[in-house]
């Protein structure tokens, strides 16, 4: 295996823009800068989940046409129809 002596660029103190940061990370590996990484505590609360279901083409076309008439997204109308049909609030 060939040994390489790669010179690693120093990590800038800060970037002047998001674009500058993106350009830097497009050409550098974060693994070369592990000593600068800090652990981060993340907390989040999922308030909404999305699910995917299969719908036959005829039903989807009818749903889409109805959503267009009501000027609302298909996913919102689909959720409303299911709640109404299943009587779920």
Protein backbone atom coordinates (compact mmCIF):
# COMPACT_ATOMS: atom_id res chain seq x y z
CA UNK A 1 0.00 0.00 0.00
CA UNK A 2 1.35 3.39 -0.96
CA UNK A 3 1.91 5.81 1.91
CA UNK A 4 0.85 9.38 1.24
CA UNK A 5 1.93 12.51 3.05
CA UNK A 6 -1.15 14.63 2.66
CA UNK A 7 -0.90 18.14 4.00
CA UNK A 8 -4.12 19.12 5.72
CA UNK A 9 -5.29 22.72 5.38
CA UNK A 10 -5.90 24.52 8.64
CA UNK A 11 -9.52 24.90 9.65
CA UNK A 12 -10.66 28.53 9.34
CA UNK A 13 -11.71 30.21 12.59
CA UNK A 14 -14.96 31.13 10.86
CA UNK A 15 -16.43 31.30 7.39
CA UNK A 16 -17.62 34.58 5.91
CA UNK A 17 -20.67 32.91 4.36
CA UNK A 18 -22.53 29.61 4.06
CA UNK A 19 -21.21 29.36 0.51
CA UNK A 20 -17.61 29.65 1.71
CA UNK A 21 -18.22 26.92 4.30
CA UNK A 22 -19.85 24.71 1.66
CA UNK A 23 -16.90 25.16 -0.70
CA UNK A 24 -14.46 24.26 2.06
CA UNK A 25 -16.34 21.09 3.10
CA UNK A 26 -16.86 20.08 -0.54
CA UNK A 27 -13.09 19.73 -0.84
CA UNK A 28 -12.13 18.57 2.66
CA UNK A 29 -12.96 15.59 4.85
CA UNK A 30 -14.36 16.09 8.34
CA UNK A 31 -12.30 13.08 9.43
CA UNK A 32 -9.19 15.26 9.05
CA UNK A 33 -10.59 17.67 11.66
CA UNK A 34 -11.92 15.31 14.35
CA UNK A 35 -9.99 17.11 17.11
CA UNK A 36 -12.20 20.17 16.50
CA UNK A 37 -15.49 18.30 16.82
CA UNK A 38 -17.59 18.77 19.93
CA UNK A 39 -20.45 16.62 21.15
CA UNK A 40 -23.89 18.18 20.76
CA UNK A 41 -26.99 17.48 22.80
CA UNK A 42 -30.05 17.38 20.62
CA UNK A 43 -33.59 17.42 21.85
CA UNK A 44 -36.62 17.33 19.63
CA UNK A 45 -40.27 16.57 19.90
CA UNK A 46 -41.96 14.96 16.94
CA UNK A 47 -45.39 16.48 16.82
CA UNK A 48 -46.36 15.14 13.45
CA UNK A 49 -45.58 11.95 11.59
CA UNK A 50 -46.15 11.13 7.95
CA UNK A 51 -47.12 7.72 6.62
CA UNK A 52 -47.21 6.32 3.14
CA UNK A 53 -50.10 4.16 1.96
CA UNK A 54 -50.92 2.60 -1.38
CA UNK A 55 -54.01 3.89 -3.16
CA UNK A 56 -55.42 2.61 -6.41
CA UNK A 57 -55.16 4.95 -9.38
CA UNK A 58 -58.89 5.61 -9.70
CA UNK A 59 -59.17 6.65 -6.04
CA UNK A 60 -56.12 8.86 -6.30
CA UNK A 61 -57.43 10.61 -9.40
CA UNK A 62 -60.75 11.29 -7.66
CA UNK A 63 -58.95 12.53 -4.55
CA UNK A 64 -56.70 14.79 -6.61
CA UNK A 65 -59.64 16.24 -8.56
CA UNK A 66 -61.55 16.91 -5.35
CA UNK A 67 -58.50 18.51 -3.71
CA UNK A 68 -58.04 20.76 -6.73
CA UNK A 69 -61.68 21.89 -6.56
CA UNK A 70 -61.30 22.61 -2.84
CA UNK A 71 -57.92 24.30 -3.42
CA UNK A 72 -56.08 22.23 -0.84
CA UNK A 73 -53.20 19.77 -0.96
CA UNK A 74 -54.09 16.15 -1.74
CA UNK A 75 -52.42 14.97 1.48
CA UNK A 76 -54.61 17.25 3.60
CA UNK A 77 -57.80 16.13 1.89
CA UNK A 78 -56.76 12.47 2.19
CA UNK A 79 -56.21 12.93 5.92
CA UNK A 80 -59.59 14.66 6.30
CA UNK A 81 -61.39 11.91 4.38
CA UNK A 82 -59.78 9.18 6.48
CA UNK A 83 -60.56 10.96 9.75
CA UNK A 84 -64.17 11.51 8.71
CA UNK A 85 -64.61 7.95 7.51
CA UNK A 86 -62.97 6.48 10.60
CA UNK A 87 -64.44 9.09 12.95
CA UNK A 88 -61.01 9.88 14.42
CA UNK A 89 -60.21 13.28 15.88
